[in-house]
Amino acid sequence: MLRHIGVDEVKEIAQLSKEARDAQDKLLDKMRVVDRIEDEREVMEQALETFDSLDASLDNRPLVELKQRIAALSDDARHELMALMWVGAGEFAAAQWDDALTRALSESSAGDGDFLAENSQLHDFLMKGLFELGLA
């Protein structure tokens, strides 16, 4: 089924996606904590106790790595990754692999890499897609 991307490559991309999601969740958790605290003194005390505020930044290294990894794929490999994501998301059954791949080819655009990388459920969808296709 997968001719242009290997199972190990898919798993690497899935892991990078998980790391990006974890980094995003951590940043969002920090934002929620600050939002919940009304007393500025409490915010300052918490900030002094940890490096969490220093760690929160606009530079999301895992997301950058994920985008670079996907961008380095051939077009055919990216199409297979997209089709695999759709199978994992339940948009196509495993038996409809050719249909999913045809859709990926027909809807291909320059933004596919960003679309894939920015999907917060990419890890789950890819791993489930591999499972559905009997490749996990």
N, C-alpha and C. Protein backbone atom coordinates (compact mmCIF):
# COMPACT_ATOMS: atom_id res chain seq x y z
N MET A 1 0.80 -1.20 0.00
CA MET A 1 0.00 0.00 0.00
C MET A 1 0.84 1.26 0.00
N LEU A 2 1.72 1.37 0.98
CA LEU A 2 2.61 2.53 1.03
C LEU A 2 3.82 2.25 0.15
N ARG A 3 3.93 2.99 -0.92
CA ARG A 3 5.04 2.78 -1.86
C ARG A 3 6.10 3.86 -1.77
N HIS A 4 5.69 5.06 -1.31
CA HIS A 4 6.60 6.21 -1.36
C HIS A 4 7.02 6.70 0.02
N ILE A 5 6.43 6.15 1.05
CA ILE A 5 6.81 6.50 2.42
C ILE A 5 6.77 5.22 3.25
N GLY A 6 7.80 5.04 4.04
CA GLY A 6 7.88 3.84 4.86
C GLY A 6 7.12 3.98 6.17
N VAL A 7 6.79 2.85 6.75
CA VAL A 7 6.07 2.84 8.03
C VAL A 7 6.89 3.56 9.10
N ASP A 8 8.20 3.34 9.11
CA ASP A 8 9.05 4.00 10.10
C ASP A 8 9.03 5.51 9.92
N GLU A 9 9.01 5.97 8.67
CA GLU A 9 8.92 7.41 8.41
C GLU A 9 7.60 7.98 8.93
N VAL A 10 6.52 7.25 8.71
CA VAL A 10 5.21 7.68 9.20
C VAL A 10 5.25 7.78 10.72
N LYS A 11 5.84 6.80 11.37
CA LYS A 11 5.92 6.80 12.83
C LYS A 11 6.77 7.96 13.34
N GLU A 12 7.85 8.29 12.63
CA GLU A 12 8.68 9.44 13.00
C GLU A 12 7.88 10.74 12.91
N ILE A 13 7.13 10.88 11.83
CA ILE A 13 6.31 12.07 11.64
C ILE A 13 5.21 12.13 12.70
N ALA A 14 4.63 10.98 13.00
CA ALA A 14 3.60 10.93 14.05
C ALA A 14 4.19 11.35 15.39
N GLN A 15 5.40 10.90 15.69
CA GLN A 15 6.05 11.27 16.95
C GLN A 15 6.33 12.77 17.00
N LEU A 16 6.80 13.34 15.90
CA LEU A 16 7.03 14.79 15.86
C LEU A 16 5.72 15.54 16.07
N SER A 17 4.64 15.02 15.51
CA SER A 17 3.34 15.64 15.69
C SER A 17 2.92 15.59 17.15
N LYS A 18 3.17 14.46 17.80
CA LYS A 18 2.84 14.33 19.22
C LYS A 18 3.64 15.32 20.04
N GLU A 19 4.92 15.48 19.74
CA GLU A 19 5.76 16.44 20.46
C GLU A 19 5.25 17.87 20.26
N ALA A 20 4.82 18.19 19.05
CA ALA A 20 4.29 19.53 18.78
C ALA A 20 2.99 19.74 19.55
N ARG A 21 2.14 18.72 19.59
CA ARG A 21 0.88 18.84 20.33
C ARG A 21 1.16 18.99 21.83
N ASP A 22 2.11 18.24 22.34
CA ASP A 22 2.46 18.35 23.76
C ASP A 22 2.99 19.74 24.09
N ALA A 23 3.82 20.30 23.20
CA ALA A 23 4.34 21.65 23.42
C ALA A 23 3.21 22.68 23.39
N GLN A 24 2.28 22.50 22.47
CA GLN A 24 1.15 23.42 22.38
C GLN A 24 0.28 23.30 23.65
N ASP A 25 0.02 22.07 24.08
CA ASP A 25 -0.79 21.87 25.28
C ASP A 25 -0.13 22.52 26.49
N LYS A 26 1.18 22.40 26.60
CA LYS A 26 1.91 22.99 27.72
C LYS A 26 1.77 24.51 27.70
N LEU A 27 1.91 25.09 26.52
CA LEU A 27 1.77 26.54 26.40
C LEU A 27 0.35 26.97 26.74
N LEU A 28 -0.65 26.23 26.26
CA LEU A 28 -2.04 26.57 26.55
C LEU A 28 -2.34 26.43 28.04
N ASP A 29 -1.77 25.42 28.67
CA ASP A 29 -1.96 25.26 30.11
C ASP A 29 -1.41 26.46 30.86
N LYS A 30 -0.26 26.95 30.44
CA LYS A 30 0.33 28.13 31.08
C LYS A 30 -0.59 29.34 30.92
N MET A 31 -1.16 29.46 29.75
CA MET A 31 -2.06 30.59 29.50
C MET A 31 -3.30 30.49 30.38
N ARG A 32 -3.82 29.28 30.56
CA ARG A 32 -5.00 29.09 31.41
C ARG A 32 -4.71 29.42 32.86
N VAL A 33 -3.52 29.05 33.34
CA VAL A 33 -3.15 29.34 34.72
C VAL A 33 -3.13 30.84 34.95
N VAL A 34 -2.51 31.57 34.05
CA VAL A 34 -2.44 33.02 34.18
C VAL A 34 -3.83 33.63 34.11
N ASP A 35 -4.66 33.07 33.25
CA ASP A 35 -6.01 33.59 33.10
C ASP A 35 -6.84 33.37 34.36
N ARG A 36 -6.61 32.25 35.06
CA ARG A 36 -7.39 31.92 36.25
C ARG A 36 -6.98 32.74 37.46
N ILE A 37 -5.76 33.21 37.48
CA ILE A 37 -5.24 33.91 38.66
C ILE A 37 -5.53 35.39 38.53
N GLU A 38 -6.25 35.90 39.48
CA GLU A 38 -6.64 37.32 39.43
C GLU A 38 -5.64 38.21 40.18
N ASP A 39 -4.97 37.67 41.15
CA ASP A 39 -4.05 38.45 41.97
C ASP A 39 -2.67 38.46 41.32
N GLU A 40 -2.20 39.63 40.95
CA GLU A 40 -0.90 39.76 40.27
C GLU A 40 0.23 39.21 41.12
N ARG A 41 0.12 39.33 42.41
CA ARG A 41 1.16 38.83 43.32
C ARG A 41 1.30 37.31 43.16
N GLU A 42 0.18 36.61 43.03
CA GLU A 42 0.23 35.15 42.85
C GLU A 42 0.92 34.80 41.54
N VAL A 43 0.65 35.55 40.50
CA VAL A 43 1.30 35.31 39.20
C VAL A 43 2.81 35.45 39.35
N MET A 44 3.26 36.50 40.02
CA MET A 44 4.69 36.72 40.19
C MET A 44 5.33 35.61 41.04
N GLU A 45 4.65 35.18 42.10
CA GLU A 45 5.19 34.11 42.93
C GLU A 45 5.34 32.83 42.12
N GLN A 46 4.36 32.50 41.32
CA GLN A 46 4.45 31.29 40.49
C GLN A 46 5.56 31.41 39.46
N ALA A 47 5.70 32.58 38.85
CA ALA A 47 6.73 32.79 37.83
C ALA A 47 8.12 32.65 38.43
N LEU A 48 8.31 33.05 39.67
CA LEU A 48 9.61 32.97 40.30
C LEU A 48 9.95 31.55 40.74
N GLU A 49 8.96 30.71 40.95
CA GLU A 49 9.19 29.35 41.41
C GLU A 49 9.67 28.40 40.31
N THR A 50 9.34 28.69 39.07
CA THR A 50 9.71 27.79 37.97
C THR A 50 10.22 28.59 36.79
N PHE A 51 10.72 27.85 35.81
CA PHE A 51 11.14 28.47 34.55
C PHE A 51 10.05 28.38 33.50
N ASP A 52 8.83 28.03 33.90
CA ASP A 52 7.76 27.85 32.93
C ASP A 52 7.54 29.07 32.05
N SER A 53 7.59 30.26 32.66
CA SER A 53 7.34 31.45 31.85
C SER A 53 8.47 31.68 30.85
N LEU A 54 9.68 31.30 31.23
CA LEU A 54 10.81 31.41 30.32
C LEU A 54 10.67 30.41 29.18
N ASP A 55 10.16 29.23 29.51
CA ASP A 55 10.02 28.16 28.53
C ASP A 55 8.95 28.48 27.49
N ALA A 56 7.95 29.25 27.88
CA ALA A 56 6.86 29.59 26.94
C ALA A 56 7.38 30.64 25.96
N SER A 57 7.38 30.29 24.70
CA SER A 57 7.86 31.22 23.69
C SER A 57 7.12 30.99 22.39
N LEU A 58 7.31 31.90 21.46
CA LEU A 58 6.67 31.77 20.16
C LEU A 58 7.37 30.74 19.29
N ASP A 59 8.59 30.39 19.64
CA ASP A 59 9.37 29.42 18.87
C ASP A 59 8.96 28.02 19.28
N ASN A 60 8.20 27.35 18.45
CA ASN A 60 7.76 25.99 18.75
C ASN A 60 8.64 25.03 17.95
N ARG A 61 9.76 24.64 18.53
CA ARG A 61 10.72 23.78 17.85
C ARG A 61 10.11 22.49 17.31
N PRO A 62 9.27 21.79 18.08
CA PRO A 62 8.69 20.55 17.53
C PRO A 62 7.84 20.80 16.28
N LEU A 63 7.08 21.89 16.27
CA LEU A 63 6.25 22.18 15.10
C LEU A 63 7.12 22.52 13.89
N VAL A 64 8.19 23.27 14.12
CA VAL A 64 9.12 23.61 13.04
C VAL A 64 9.74 22.34 12.47
N GLU A 65 10.17 21.43 13.35
CA GLU A 65 10.77 20.18 12.90
C GLU A 65 9.76 19.33 12.12
N LEU A 66 8.53 19.31 12.59
CA LEU A 66 7.48 18.55 11.90
C LEU A 66 7.26 19.11 10.50
N LYS A 67 7.14 20.41 10.39
CA LYS A 67 6.93 21.03 9.08
C LYS A 67 8.09 20.76 8.14
N GLN A 68 9.31 20.83 8.67
CA GLN A 68 10.49 20.56 7.84
C GLN A 68 10.51 19.11 7.38
N ARG A 69 10.15 18.20 8.26
CA ARG A 69 10.15 16.77 7.93
C ARG A 69 9.13 16.47 6.84
N ILE A 70 7.95 17.06 6.96
CA ILE A 70 6.92 16.84 5.94
C ILE A 70 7.30 17.51 4.63
N ALA A 71 7.89 18.70 4.70
CA ALA A 71 8.31 19.42 3.50
C ALA A 71 9.39 18.66 2.74
N ALA A 72 10.19 17.87 3.45
CA ALA A 72 11.28 17.12 2.81
C ALA A 72 10.78 15.89 2.06
N LEU A 73 9.51 15.52 2.28
CA LEU A 73 8.95 14.36 1.58
C LEU A 73 8.71 14.67 0.10
N SER A 74 8.74 13.64 -0.70
CA SER A 74 8.35 13.80 -2.10
C SER A 74 6.85 14.06 -2.16
N ASP A 75 6.37 14.57 -3.27
CA ASP A 75 4.93 14.80 -3.43
C ASP A 75 4.16 13.51 -3.25
N ASP A 76 4.66 12.43 -3.84
CA ASP A 76 3.97 11.13 -3.72
C ASP A 76 3.89 10.66 -2.27
N ALA A 77 4.96 10.85 -1.52
CA ALA A 77 4.97 10.46 -0.11
C ALA A 77 3.98 11.31 0.69
N ARG A 78 3.93 12.61 0.37
CA ARG A 78 2.99 13.50 1.06
C ARG A 78 1.55 13.09 0.76
N HIS A 79 1.27 12.68 -0.48
CA HIS A 79 -0.07 12.22 -0.84
C HIS A 79 -0.44 10.97 -0.04
N GLU A 80 0.51 10.06 0.09
CA GLU A 80 0.24 8.85 0.88
C GLU A 80 0.01 9.20 2.35
N LEU A 81 0.77 10.14 2.86
CA LEU A 81 0.59 10.57 4.24
C LEU A 81 -0.80 11.18 4.44
N MET A 82 -1.23 11.99 3.49
CA MET A 82 -2.56 12.60 3.55
C MET A 82 -3.64 11.51 3.51
N ALA A 83 -3.50 10.57 2.60
CA ALA A 83 -4.48 9.49 2.50
C ALA A 83 -4.50 8.65 3.78
N LEU A 84 -3.34 8.40 4.33
CA LEU A 84 -3.25 7.65 5.58
C LEU A 84 -3.94 8.39 6.72
N MET A 85 -3.75 9.70 6.77
CA MET A 85 -4.42 10.51 7.79
C MET A 85 -5.93 10.39 7.65
N TRP A 86 -6.45 10.45 6.42
CA TRP A 86 -7.90 10.34 6.21
C TRP A 86 -8.42 8.97 6.61
N VAL A 87 -7.66 7.92 6.35
CA VAL A 87 -8.08 6.58 6.78
C VAL A 87 -8.13 6.55 8.31
N GLY A 88 -7.12 7.09 8.95
CA GLY A 88 -7.09 7.13 10.41
C GLY A 88 -8.18 7.99 11.01
N ALA A 89 -8.59 9.01 10.28
CA ALA A 89 -9.65 9.90 10.76
C ALA A 89 -11.04 9.32 10.51
N GLY A 90 -11.09 8.22 9.75
CA GLY A 90 -12.38 7.59 9.48
C GLY A 90 -13.09 8.14 8.26
N GLU A 91 -12.43 9.00 7.50
CA GLU A 91 -13.05 9.52 6.28
C GLU A 91 -13.09 8.47 5.17
N PHE A 92 -12.17 7.52 5.24
CA PHE A 92 -12.11 6.40 4.31
C PHE A 92 -11.84 5.14 5.11
N ALA A 93 -12.41 4.03 4.68
CA ALA A 93 -12.09 2.73 5.27
C ALA A 93 -10.79 2.24 4.65
N ALA A 94 -10.16 1.29 5.31
CA ALA A 94 -8.92 0.73 4.78
C ALA A 94 -9.12 0.17 3.37
N ALA A 95 -10.28 -0.42 3.13
CA ALA A 95 -10.58 -0.99 1.81
C ALA A 95 -10.72 0.09 0.74
N GLN A 96 -10.84 1.33 1.15
CA GLN A 96 -10.97 2.46 0.22
C GLN A 96 -9.65 3.21 0.03
N TRP A 97 -8.54 2.54 0.29
CA TRP A 97 -7.23 3.17 0.20
C TRP A 97 -7.02 3.86 -1.15
N ASP A 98 -7.35 3.18 -2.23
CA ASP A 98 -7.15 3.77 -3.55
C ASP A 98 -7.97 5.05 -3.72
N ASP A 99 -9.18 5.07 -3.17
CA ASP A 99 -10.02 6.27 -3.23
C ASP A 99 -9.40 7.41 -2.41
N ALA A 100 -8.87 7.08 -1.24
CA ALA A 100 -8.22 8.09 -0.41
C ALA A 100 -7.00 8.67 -1.11
N LEU A 101 -6.23 7.80 -1.74
CA LEU A 101 -5.04 8.25 -2.47
C LEU A 101 -5.43 9.10 -3.68
N THR A 102 -6.48 8.70 -4.39
CA THR A 102 -6.96 9.48 -5.53
C THR A 102 -7.39 10.88 -5.08
N ARG A 103 -8.09 10.93 -3.95
CA ARG A 103 -8.51 12.24 -3.41
C ARG A 103 -7.30 13.08 -3.05
N ALA A 104 -6.31 12.48 -2.40
CA ALA A 104 -5.09 13.21 -2.03
C ALA A 104 -4.39 13.77 -3.27
N LEU A 105 -4.36 12.98 -4.33
CA LEU A 105 -3.73 13.44 -5.58
C LEU A 105 -4.52 14.57 -6.21
N SER A 106 -5.83 14.46 -6.20
CA SER A 106 -6.67 15.46 -6.87
C SER A 106 -6.78 16.76 -6.07
N GLU A 107 -6.65 16.67 -4.75
CA GLU A 107 -6.78 17.87 -3.93
C GLU A 107 -5.42 18.42 -3.50
N SER A 108 -4.38 17.94 -4.08
CA SER A 108 -3.03 18.34 -3.71
C SER A 108 -2.82 19.84 -3.95
N SER A 109 -2.13 20.46 -2.98
CA SER A 109 -1.78 21.88 -3.14
C SER A 109 -0.46 22.15 -2.44
N ALA A 110 0.06 23.33 -2.65
CA ALA A 110 1.34 23.70 -2.04
C ALA A 110 1.24 23.76 -0.52
N GLY A 111 0.04 23.92 0.02
CA GLY A 111 -0.13 24.02 1.46
C GLY A 111 -0.36 22.70 2.17
N ASP A 112 -0.22 21.59 1.46
CA ASP A 112 -0.47 20.28 2.07
C ASP A 112 0.41 20.04 3.30
N GLY A 113 1.66 20.41 3.21
CA GLY A 113 2.57 20.19 4.33
C GLY A 113 2.12 20.92 5.58
N ASP A 114 1.75 22.17 5.42
CA ASP A 114 1.27 22.94 6.57
C ASP A 114 -0.04 22.38 7.08
N PHE A 115 -0.94 21.99 6.16
CA PHE A 115 -2.22 21.41 6.55
C PHE A 115 -2.01 20.17 7.41
N LEU A 116 -1.10 19.31 6.99
CA LEU A 116 -0.80 18.10 7.74
C LEU A 116 -0.18 18.44 9.09
N ALA A 117 0.84 19.28 9.07
CA ALA A 117 1.60 19.59 10.29
C ALA A 117 0.74 20.29 11.33
N GLU A 118 -0.20 21.08 10.91
CA GLU A 118 -0.98 21.88 11.85
C GLU A 118 -2.23 21.15 12.35
N ASN A 119 -2.42 19.92 11.92
CA ASN A 119 -3.54 19.14 12.41
C ASN A 119 -3.14 18.57 13.78
N SER A 120 -3.81 19.02 14.82
CA SER A 120 -3.42 18.62 16.18
C SER A 120 -3.65 17.13 16.44
N GLN A 121 -4.43 16.47 15.61
CA GLN A 121 -4.68 15.04 15.79
C GLN A 121 -3.89 14.17 14.82
N LEU A 122 -2.91 14.77 14.14
CA LEU A 122 -2.15 14.04 13.12
C LEU A 122 -1.54 12.76 13.69
N HIS A 123 -0.93 12.83 14.85
CA HIS A 123 -0.32 11.64 15.45
C HIS A 123 -1.34 10.52 15.56
N ASP A 124 -2.48 10.83 16.17
CA ASP A 124 -3.52 9.81 16.38
C ASP A 124 -4.03 9.26 15.05
N PHE A 125 -4.28 10.13 14.09
CA PHE A 125 -4.81 9.71 12.80
C PHE A 125 -3.81 8.83 12.05
N LEU A 126 -2.54 9.20 12.08
CA LEU A 126 -1.53 8.40 11.37
C LEU A 126 -1.38 7.02 12.01
N MET A 127 -1.33 6.99 13.33
CA MET A 127 -1.17 5.71 14.00
C MET A 127 -2.40 4.82 13.79
N LYS A 128 -3.58 5.42 13.83
CA LYS A 128 -4.78 4.64 13.58
C LYS A 128 -4.84 4.19 12.12
N GLY A 129 -4.40 5.06 11.20
CA GLY A 129 -4.36 4.69 9.80
C GLY A 129 -3.46 3.50 9.55
N LEU A 130 -2.28 3.52 10.18
CA LEU A 130 -1.36 2.38 10.06
C LEU A 130 -2.04 1.10 10.60
N PHE A 131 -2.71 1.23 11.73
CA PHE A 131 -3.40 0.10 12.31
C PHE A 131 -4.49 -0.43 11.37
N GLU A 132 -5.29 0.50 10.84
CA GLU A 132 -6.40 0.12 9.95
C GLU A 132 -5.90 -0.60 8.70
N LEU A 133 -4.72 -0.19 8.23
CA LEU A 133 -4.15 -0.81 7.03
C LEU A 133 -3.34 -2.06 7.36
N GLY A 134 -3.26 -2.41 8.64
CA GLY A 134 -2.52 -3.60 9.05
C GLY A 134 -1.01 -3.40 9.00
N LEU A 135 -0.56 -2.14 9.17
CA LEU A 135 0.87 -1.82 9.06
C LEU A 135 1.49 -1.43 10.40
N ALA A 136 0.68 -1.38 11.43
CA ALA A 136 1.19 -0.90 12.74
C ALA A 136 1.99 -1.96 13.45
